[in-house]
Amino acid sequence: VRELGGEVAWVVIYQSGMAGIVAGALLAARLK
């Protein structure tokens, strides 16, 4: 919020992490 452009920057970063959790869970089932 203070140095990267405000609340929107944090929301984008945070939501990328939530997408990462889902992607990781999906990927785990396909890894050998």
PDB file of all heavy atoms in Angstrom:
ATOM      1  N   VAL A   1       0.834  -1.209   0.000  1.00  0.00           N
ATOM      2  CA  VAL A   1       0.000   0.000   0.000  1.00  0.00           C
ATOM      3  C   VAL A   1       0.862   1.250   0.000  1.00  0.00           C
ATOM      4  O   VAL A   1       0.582   2.240  -0.697  1.00  0.00           O
ATOM      5  CB  VAL A   1      -0.945  -0.013   1.220  1.00  0.00           C
ATOM      6  CG1 VAL A   1      -1.650   1.333   1.368  1.00  0.00           C
ATOM      7  CG2 VAL A   1      -1.969  -1.135   1.084  1.00  0.00           C
ATOM      8  N   ARG A   2       1.951   1.218   0.748  1.00  0.00           N
ATOM      9  CA  ARG A   2       2.790   2.404   0.903  1.00  0.00           C
ATOM     10  C   ARG A   2       3.724   2.640  -0.286  1.00  0.00           C
ATOM     11  O   ARG A   2       3.940   3.796  -0.692  1.00  0.00           O
ATOM     12  CB  ARG A   2       3.618   2.259   2.191  1.00  0.00           C
ATOM     13  CG  ARG A   2       4.394   3.500   2.585  1.00  0.00           C
ATOM     14  CD  ARG A   2       5.165   3.293   3.871  1.00  0.00           C
ATOM     15  NE  ARG A   2       6.207   2.286   3.722  1.00  0.00           N
ATOM     16  CZ  ARG A   2       6.298   1.193   4.461  1.00  0.00           C
ATOM     17  NH1 ARG A   2       5.394   0.954   5.412  1.00  0.00           N
ATOM     18  NH2 ARG A   2       7.282   0.328   4.272  1.00  0.00           N
ATOM     19  N   GLU A   3       4.248   1.558  -0.889  1.00  0.00           N
ATOM     20  CA  GLU A   3       5.335   1.739  -1.859  1.00  0.00           C
ATOM     21  C   GLU A   3       5.101   1.092  -3.223  1.00  0.00           C
ATOM     22  O   GLU A   3       5.896   1.307  -4.136  1.00  0.00           O
ATOM     23  CB  GLU A   3       6.643   1.185  -1.280  1.00  0.00           C
ATOM     24  CG  GLU A   3       7.040   1.865   0.038  1.00  0.00           C
ATOM     25  CD  GLU A   3       8.405   1.409   0.536  1.00  0.00           C
ATOM     26  OE1 GLU A   3       9.333   1.360  -0.286  1.00  0.00           O
ATOM     27  OE2 GLU A   3       8.524   1.092   1.735  1.00  0.00           O
ATOM     28  N   LEU A   4       4.042   0.294  -3.362  1.00  0.00           N
ATOM     29  CA  LEU A   4       3.838  -0.403  -4.636  1.00  0.00           C
ATOM     30  C   LEU A   4       2.579   0.016  -5.378  1.00  0.00           C
ATOM     31  O   LEU A   4       2.189  -0.640  -6.344  1.00  0.00           O
ATOM     32  CB  LEU A   4       3.818  -1.922  -4.393  1.00  0.00           C
ATOM     33  CG  LEU A   4       5.124  -2.544  -3.907  1.00  0.00           C
ATOM     34  CD1 LEU A   4       4.944  -4.034  -3.642  1.00  0.00           C
ATOM     35  CD2 LEU A   4       6.241  -2.326  -4.937  1.00  0.00           C
ATOM     36  N   GLY A   5       1.948   1.071  -4.921  1.00  0.00           N
ATOM     37  CA  GLY A   5       0.806   1.558  -5.682  1.00  0.00           C
ATOM     38  C   GLY A   5      -0.533   1.480  -4.986  1.00  0.00           C
ATOM     39  O   GLY A   5      -1.567   1.714  -5.619  1.00  0.00           O
ATOM     40  N   GLY A   6      -0.563   1.131  -3.715  1.00  0.00           N
ATOM     41  CA  GLY A   6      -1.818   1.153  -2.988  1.00  0.00           C
ATOM     42  C   GLY A   6      -2.479  -0.199  -2.842  1.00  0.00           C
ATOM     43  O   GLY A   6      -1.889  -1.246  -3.115  1.00  0.00           O
ATOM     44  N   GLU A   7      -3.756  -0.152  -2.412  1.00  0.00           N
ATOM     45  CA  GLU A   7      -4.496  -1.376  -2.109  1.00  0.00           C
ATOM     46  C   GLU A   7      -4.624  -2.299  -3.321  1.00  0.00           C
ATOM     47  O   GLU A   7      -4.602  -3.529  -3.179  1.00  0.00           O
ATOM     48  CB  GLU A   7      -5.892  -1.032  -1.584  1.00  0.00           C
ATOM     49  CG  GLU A   7      -5.908  -0.394  -0.202  1.00  0.00           C
ATOM     50  CD  GLU A   7      -5.705   1.104  -0.247  1.00  0.00           C
ATOM     51  OE1 GLU A   7      -5.400   1.638  -1.349  1.00  0.00           O
ATOM     52  OE2 GLU A   7      -5.845   1.756   0.811  1.00  0.00           O
ATOM     53  N   VAL A   8      -4.765  -1.704  -4.506  1.00  0.00           N
ATOM     54  CA  VAL A   8      -4.940  -2.524  -5.707  1.00  0.00           C
ATOM     55  C   VAL A   8      -3.729  -3.427  -5.921  1.00  0.00           C
ATOM     56  O   VAL A   8      -3.869  -4.600  -6.296  1.00  0.00           O
ATOM     57  CB  VAL A   8      -5.182  -1.637  -6.944  1.00  0.00           C
ATOM     58  CG1 VAL A   8      -5.206  -2.487  -8.222  1.00  0.00           C
ATOM     59  CG2 VAL A   8      -6.498  -0.887  -6.799  1.00  0.00           C
ATOM     60  N   ALA A   9      -2.544  -2.897  -5.678  1.00  0.00           N
ATOM     61  CA  ALA A   9      -1.323  -3.699  -5.853  1.00  0.00           C
ATOM     62  C   ALA A   9      -1.343  -4.914  -4.932  1.00  0.00           C
ATOM     63  O   ALA A   9      -1.023  -6.033  -5.364  1.00  0.00           O
ATOM     64  CB  ALA A   9      -0.091  -2.846  -5.577  1.00  0.00           C
ATOM     65  N   TRP A  10      -1.747  -4.708  -3.674  1.00  0.00           N
ATOM     66  CA  TRP A  10      -1.780  -5.839  -2.749  1.00  0.00           C
ATOM     67  C   TRP A  10      -2.848  -6.849  -3.150  1.00  0.00           C
ATOM     68  O   TRP A  10      -2.639  -8.054  -3.069  1.00  0.00           O
ATOM     69  CB  TRP A  10      -2.015  -5.378  -1.315  1.00  0.00           C
ATOM     70  CG  TRP A  10      -2.212  -6.542  -0.383  1.00  0.00           C
ATOM     71  CD1 TRP A  10      -3.335  -6.868   0.311  1.00  0.00           C
ATOM     72  CD2 TRP A  10      -1.264  -7.574  -0.091  1.00  0.00           C
ATOM     73  NE1 TRP A  10      -3.154  -8.016   1.019  1.00  0.00           N
ATOM     74  CE2 TRP A  10      -1.879  -8.479   0.799  1.00  0.00           C
ATOM     75  CE3 TRP A  10       0.056  -7.813  -0.486  1.00  0.00           C
ATOM     76  CZ2 TRP A  10      -1.228  -9.608   1.288  1.00  0.00           C
ATOM     77  CZ3 TRP A  10       0.714  -8.947  -0.001  1.00  0.00           C
ATOM     78  CH2 TRP A  10       0.072  -9.823   0.871  1.00  0.00           C
ATOM     79  N   VAL A  11      -4.006  -6.372  -3.573  1.00  0.00           N
ATOM     80  CA  VAL A  11      -5.074  -7.292  -3.998  1.00  0.00           C
ATOM     81  C   VAL A  11      -4.594  -8.166  -5.150  1.00  0.00           C
ATOM     82  O   VAL A  11      -4.824  -9.379  -5.179  1.00  0.00           O
ATOM     83  CB  VAL A  11      -6.340  -6.508  -4.392  1.00  0.00           C
ATOM     84  CG1 VAL A  11      -7.355  -7.436  -5.072  1.00  0.00           C
ATOM     85  CG2 VAL A  11      -6.968  -5.865  -3.168  1.00  0.00           C
ATOM     86  N   VAL A  12      -3.902  -7.558  -6.119  1.00  0.00           N
ATOM     87  CA  VAL A  12      -3.395  -8.322  -7.273  1.00  0.00           C
ATOM     88  C   VAL A  12      -2.380  -9.365  -6.810  1.00  0.00           C
ATOM     89  O   VAL A  12      -2.417 -10.532  -7.230  1.00  0.00           O
ATOM     90  CB  VAL A  12      -2.771  -7.370  -8.318  1.00  0.00           C
ATOM     91  CG1 VAL A  12      -2.045  -8.167  -9.403  1.00  0.00           C
ATOM     92  CG2 VAL A  12      -3.845  -6.496  -8.937  1.00  0.00           C
ATOM     93  N   ILE A  13      -1.464  -8.961  -5.936  1.00  0.00           N
ATOM     94  CA  ILE A  13      -0.442  -9.895  -5.441  1.00  0.00           C
ATOM     95  C   ILE A  13      -1.101 -11.020  -4.651  1.00  0.00           C
ATOM     96  O   ILE A  13      -0.789 -12.206  -4.862  1.00  0.00           O
ATOM     97  CB  ILE A  13       0.589  -9.145  -4.575  1.00  0.00           C
ATOM     98  CG1 ILE A  13       1.388  -8.160  -5.432  1.00  0.00           C
ATOM     99  CG2 ILE A  13       1.532 -10.133  -3.879  1.00  0.00           C
ATOM    100  CD1 ILE A  13       2.233  -7.194  -4.625  1.00  0.00           C
ATOM    101  N   TYR A  14      -2.025 -10.659  -3.768  1.00  0.00           N
ATOM    102  CA  TYR A  14      -2.675 -11.673  -2.940  1.00  0.00           C
ATOM    103  C   TYR A  14      -3.473 -12.663  -3.781  1.00  0.00           C
ATOM    104  O   TYR A  14      -3.401 -13.878  -3.570  1.00  0.00           O
ATOM    105  CB  TYR A  14      -3.589 -10.994  -1.922  1.00  0.00           C
ATOM    106  CG  TYR A  14      -4.301 -11.964  -1.012  1.00  0.00           C
ATOM    107  CD1 TYR A  14      -3.642 -12.561   0.047  1.00  0.00           C
ATOM    108  CD2 TYR A  14      -5.642 -12.294  -1.242  1.00  0.00           C
ATOM    109  CE1 TYR A  14      -4.291 -13.466   0.874  1.00  0.00           C
ATOM    110  CE2 TYR A  14      -6.295 -13.196  -0.424  1.00  0.00           C
ATOM    111  CZ  TYR A  14      -5.621 -13.771   0.633  1.00  0.00           C
ATOM    112  OH  TYR A  14      -6.261 -14.675   1.432  1.00  0.00           O
ATOM    113  N   GLN A  15      -4.222 -12.159  -4.737  1.00  0.00           N
ATOM    114  CA  GLN A  15      -5.030 -13.056  -5.570  1.00  0.00           C
ATOM    115  C   GLN A  15      -4.152 -13.953  -6.445  1.00  0.00           C
ATOM    116  O   GLN A  15      -4.537 -15.087  -6.755  1.00  0.00           O
ATOM    117  CB  GLN A  15      -5.993 -12.246  -6.443  1.00  0.00           C
ATOM    118  CG  GLN A  15      -7.097 -11.553  -5.668  1.00  0.00           C
ATOM    119  CD  GLN A  15      -7.965 -12.529  -4.882  1.00  0.00           C
ATOM    120  OE1 GLN A  15      -8.147 -13.671  -5.274  1.00  0.00           O
ATOM    121  NE2 GLN A  15      -8.496 -12.080  -3.750  1.00  0.00           N
ATOM    122  N   SER A  16      -2.970 -13.476  -6.811  1.00  0.00           N
ATOM    123  CA  SER A  16      -2.056 -14.347  -7.554  1.00  0.00           C
ATOM    124  C   SER A  16      -1.647 -15.535  -6.688  1.00  0.00           C
ATOM    125  O   SER A  16      -1.484 -16.655  -7.174  1.00  0.00           O
ATOM    126  CB  SER A  16      -0.811 -13.569  -7.995  1.00  0.00           C
ATOM    127  OG  SER A  16       0.065 -13.293  -6.903  1.00  0.00           O
ATOM    128  N   GLY A  17      -1.491 -15.290  -5.384  1.00  0.00           N
ATOM    129  CA  GLY A  17      -1.166 -16.382  -4.476  1.00  0.00           C
ATOM    130  C   GLY A  17      -2.296 -17.383  -4.344  1.00  0.00           C
ATOM    131  O   GLY A  17      -2.075 -18.591  -4.310  1.00  0.00           O
ATOM    132  N   MET A  18      -3.540 -16.886  -4.274  1.00  0.00           N
ATOM    133  CA  MET A  18      -4.682 -17.794  -4.191  1.00  0.00           C
ATOM    134  C   MET A  18      -4.790 -18.637  -5.461  1.00  0.00           C
ATOM    135  O   MET A  18      -5.095 -19.836  -5.411  1.00  0.00           O
ATOM    136  CB  MET A  18      -5.966 -17.003  -3.967  1.00  0.00           C
ATOM    137  CG  MET A  18      -6.012 -16.215  -2.653  1.00  0.00           C
ATOM    138  SD  MET A  18      -5.703 -17.234  -1.160  1.00  0.00           S
ATOM    139  CE  MET A  18      -3.944 -16.923  -0.881  1.00  0.00           C
ATOM    140  N   ALA A  19      -4.511 -18.018  -6.594  1.00  0.00           N
ATOM    141  CA  ALA A  19      -4.491 -18.786  -7.849  1.00  0.00           C
ATOM    142  C   ALA A  19      -3.373 -19.819  -7.817  1.00  0.00           C
ATOM    143  O   ALA A  19      -3.519 -20.945  -8.332  1.00  0.00           O
ATOM    144  CB  ALA A  19      -4.305 -17.843  -9.031  1.00  0.00           C
ATOM    145  N   GLY A  20      -2.258 -19.468  -7.198  1.00  0.00           N
ATOM    146  CA  GLY A  20      -1.140 -20.401  -7.088  1.00  0.00           C
ATOM    147  C   GLY A  20      -1.484 -21.625  -6.253  1.00  0.00           C
ATOM    148  O   GLY A  20      -1.095 -22.750  -6.594  1.00  0.00           O
ATOM    149  N   ILE A  21      -2.226 -21.427  -5.150  1.00  0.00           N
ATOM    150  CA  ILE A  21      -2.627 -22.564  -4.318  1.00  0.00           C
ATOM    151  C   ILE A  21      -3.477 -23.536  -5.120  1.00  0.00           C
ATOM    152  O   ILE A  21      -3.270 -24.758  -5.078  1.00  0.00           O
ATOM    153  CB  ILE A  21      -3.404 -22.077  -3.078  1.00  0.00           C
ATOM    154  CG1 ILE A  21      -2.476 -21.353  -2.114  1.00  0.00           C
ATOM    155  CG2 ILE A  21      -4.072 -23.249  -2.369  1.00  0.00           C
ATOM    156  CD1 ILE A  21      -3.175 -20.818  -0.892  1.00  0.00           C
ATOM    157  N   VAL A  22      -4.444 -22.999  -5.852  1.00  0.00           N
ATOM    158  CA  VAL A  22      -5.319 -23.853  -6.651  1.00  0.00           C
ATOM    159  C   VAL A  22      -4.517 -24.579  -7.729  1.00  0.00           C
ATOM    160  O   VAL A  22      -4.674 -25.793  -7.941  1.00  0.00           O
ATOM    161  CB  VAL A  22      -6.449 -23.023  -7.288  1.00  0.00           C
ATOM    162  CG1 VAL A  22      -7.289 -23.876  -8.241  1.00  0.00           C
ATOM    163  CG2 VAL A  22      -7.341 -22.414  -6.206  1.00  0.00           C
ATOM    164  N   ALA A  23      -3.633 -23.838  -8.399  1.00  0.00           N
ATOM    165  CA  ALA A  23      -2.811 -24.455  -9.448  1.00  0.00           C
ATOM    166  C   ALA A  23      -1.904 -25.537  -8.874  1.00  0.00           C
ATOM    167  O   ALA A  23      -1.713 -26.601  -9.476  1.00  0.00           O
ATOM    168  CB  ALA A  23      -1.976 -23.384 -10.151  1.00  0.00           C
ATOM    169  N   GLY A  24      -1.335 -25.292  -7.691  1.00  0.00           N
ATOM    170  CA  GLY A  24      -0.468 -26.282  -7.067  1.00  0.00           C
ATOM    171  C   GLY A  24      -1.213 -27.544  -6.686  1.00  0.00           C
ATOM    172  O   GLY A  24      -0.709 -28.657  -6.874  1.00  0.00           O
ATOM    173  N   ALA A  25      -2.421 -27.379  -6.166  1.00  0.00           N
ATOM    174  CA  ALA A  25      -3.224 -28.545  -5.805  1.00  0.00           C
ATOM    175  C   ALA A  25      -3.578 -29.363  -7.045  1.00  0.00           C
ATOM    176  O   ALA A  25      -3.553 -30.596  -7.020  1.00  0.00           O
ATOM    177  CB  ALA A  25      -4.492 -28.103  -5.080  1.00  0.00           C
ATOM    178  N   LEU A  26      -3.917 -28.673  -8.142  1.00  0.00           N
ATOM    179  CA  LEU A  26      -4.216 -29.381  -9.386  1.00  0.00           C
ATOM    180  C   LEU A  26      -2.982 -30.087  -9.933  1.00  0.00           C
ATOM    181  O   LEU A  26      -3.057 -31.231 -10.406  1.00  0.00           O
ATOM    182  CB  LEU A  26      -4.756 -28.396 -10.423  1.00  0.00           C
ATOM    183  CG  LEU A  26      -6.174 -27.869 -10.207  1.00  0.00           C
ATOM    184  CD1 LEU A  26      -6.461 -26.724 -11.168  1.00  0.00           C
ATOM    185  CD2 LEU A  26      -7.196 -28.986 -10.382  1.00  0.00           C
ATOM    186  N   LEU A  27      -1.842 -29.409  -9.852  1.00  0.00           N
ATOM    187  CA  LEU A  27      -0.612 -29.973 -10.383  1.00  0.00           C
ATOM    188  C   LEU A  27      -0.149 -31.179  -9.576  1.00  0.00           C
ATOM    189  O   LEU A  27       0.396 -32.146 -10.138  1.00  0.00           O
ATOM    190  CB  LEU A  27       0.477 -28.897 -10.389  1.00  0.00           C
ATOM    191  CG  LEU A  27       1.857 -29.298 -10.941  1.00  0.00           C
ATOM    192  CD1 LEU A  27       1.743 -29.737 -12.398  1.00  0.00           C
ATOM    193  CD2 LEU A  27       2.838 -28.133 -10.799  1.00  0.00           C
ATOM    194  N   ALA A  28      -0.373 -31.156  -8.263  1.00  0.00           N
ATOM    195  CA  ALA A  28       0.103 -32.238  -7.393  1.00  0.00           C
ATOM    196  C   ALA A  28      -0.423 -33.593  -7.840  1.00  0.00           C
ATOM    197  O   ALA A  28       0.291 -34.604  -7.784  1.00  0.00           O
ATOM    198  CB  ALA A  28      -0.309 -31.968  -5.945  1.00  0.00           C
ATOM    199  N   ALA A  29      -1.667 -33.619  -8.296  1.00  0.00           N
ATOM    200  CA  ALA A  29      -2.264 -34.901  -8.700  1.00  0.00           C
ATOM    201  C   ALA A  29      -1.671 -35.429  -9.996  1.00  0.00           C
ATOM    202  O   ALA A  29      -1.806 -36.624 -10.294  1.00  0.00           O
ATOM    203  CB  ALA A  29      -3.769 -34.729  -8.860  1.00  0.00           C
ATOM    204  N   ARG A  30      -1.001 -34.571 -10.746  1.00  0.00           N
ATOM    205  CA  ARG A  30      -0.462 -34.977 -12.048  1.00  0.00           C
ATOM    206  C   ARG A  30       1.036 -35.237 -12.013  1.00  0.00           C
ATOM    207  O   ARG A  30       1.605 -35.702 -12.995  1.00  0.00           O
ATOM    208  CB  ARG A  30      -0.793 -33.913 -13.091  1.00  0.00           C
ATOM    209  CG  ARG A  30      -2.286 -33.869 -13.409  1.00  0.00           C
ATOM    210  CD  ARG A  30      -2.720 -32.553 -14.046  1.00  0.00           C
ATOM    211  NE  ARG A  30      -4.125 -32.605 -14.442  1.00  0.00           N
ATOM    212  CZ  ARG A  30      -5.143 -32.494 -13.595  1.00  0.00           C
ATOM    213  NH1 ARG A  30      -4.913 -32.326 -12.312  1.00  0.00           N
ATOM    214  NH2 ARG A  30      -6.394 -32.554 -14.033  1.00  0.00           N
ATOM    215  N   LEU A  31       1.662 -34.905 -10.912  1.00  0.00           N
ATOM    216  CA  LEU A  31       3.095 -35.131 -10.786  1.00  0.00           C
ATOM    217  C   LEU A  31       3.378 -36.600 -10.477  1.00  0.00           C
ATOM    218  O   LEU A  31       2.667 -37.219  -9.692  1.00  0.00           O
ATOM    219  CB  LEU A  31       3.670 -34.262  -9.668  1.00  0.00           C
ATOM    220  CG  LEU A  31       3.665 -32.750  -9.883  1.00  0.00           C
ATOM    221  CD1 LEU A  31       4.073 -32.040  -8.603  1.00  0.00           C
ATOM    222  CD2 LEU A  31       4.591 -32.364 -11.023  1.00  0.00           C
ATOM    223  N   LYS A  32       4.407 -37.128 -11.076  1.00  0.00           N
ATOM    224  CA  LYS A  32       4.845 -38.492 -10.760  1.00  0.00           C
ATOM    225  C   LYS A  32       5.934 -38.386  -9.699  1.00  0.00           C
ATOM    226  O   LYS A  32       7.123 -38.313  -9.999  1.00  0.00           O
ATOM    227  CB  LYS A  32       5.349 -39.189 -12.012  1.00  0.00           C
ATOM    228  CG  LYS A  32       4.251 -39.459 -13.038  1.00  0.00           C
ATOM    229  CD  LYS A  32       4.775 -40.246 -14.232  1.00  0.00           C
ATOM    230  CE  LYS A  32       3.649 -40.541 -15.219  1.00  0.00           C
ATOM    231  NZ  LYS A  32       4.136 -41.319 -16.398  1.00  0.00           N
TER     232      LYS A  32
END
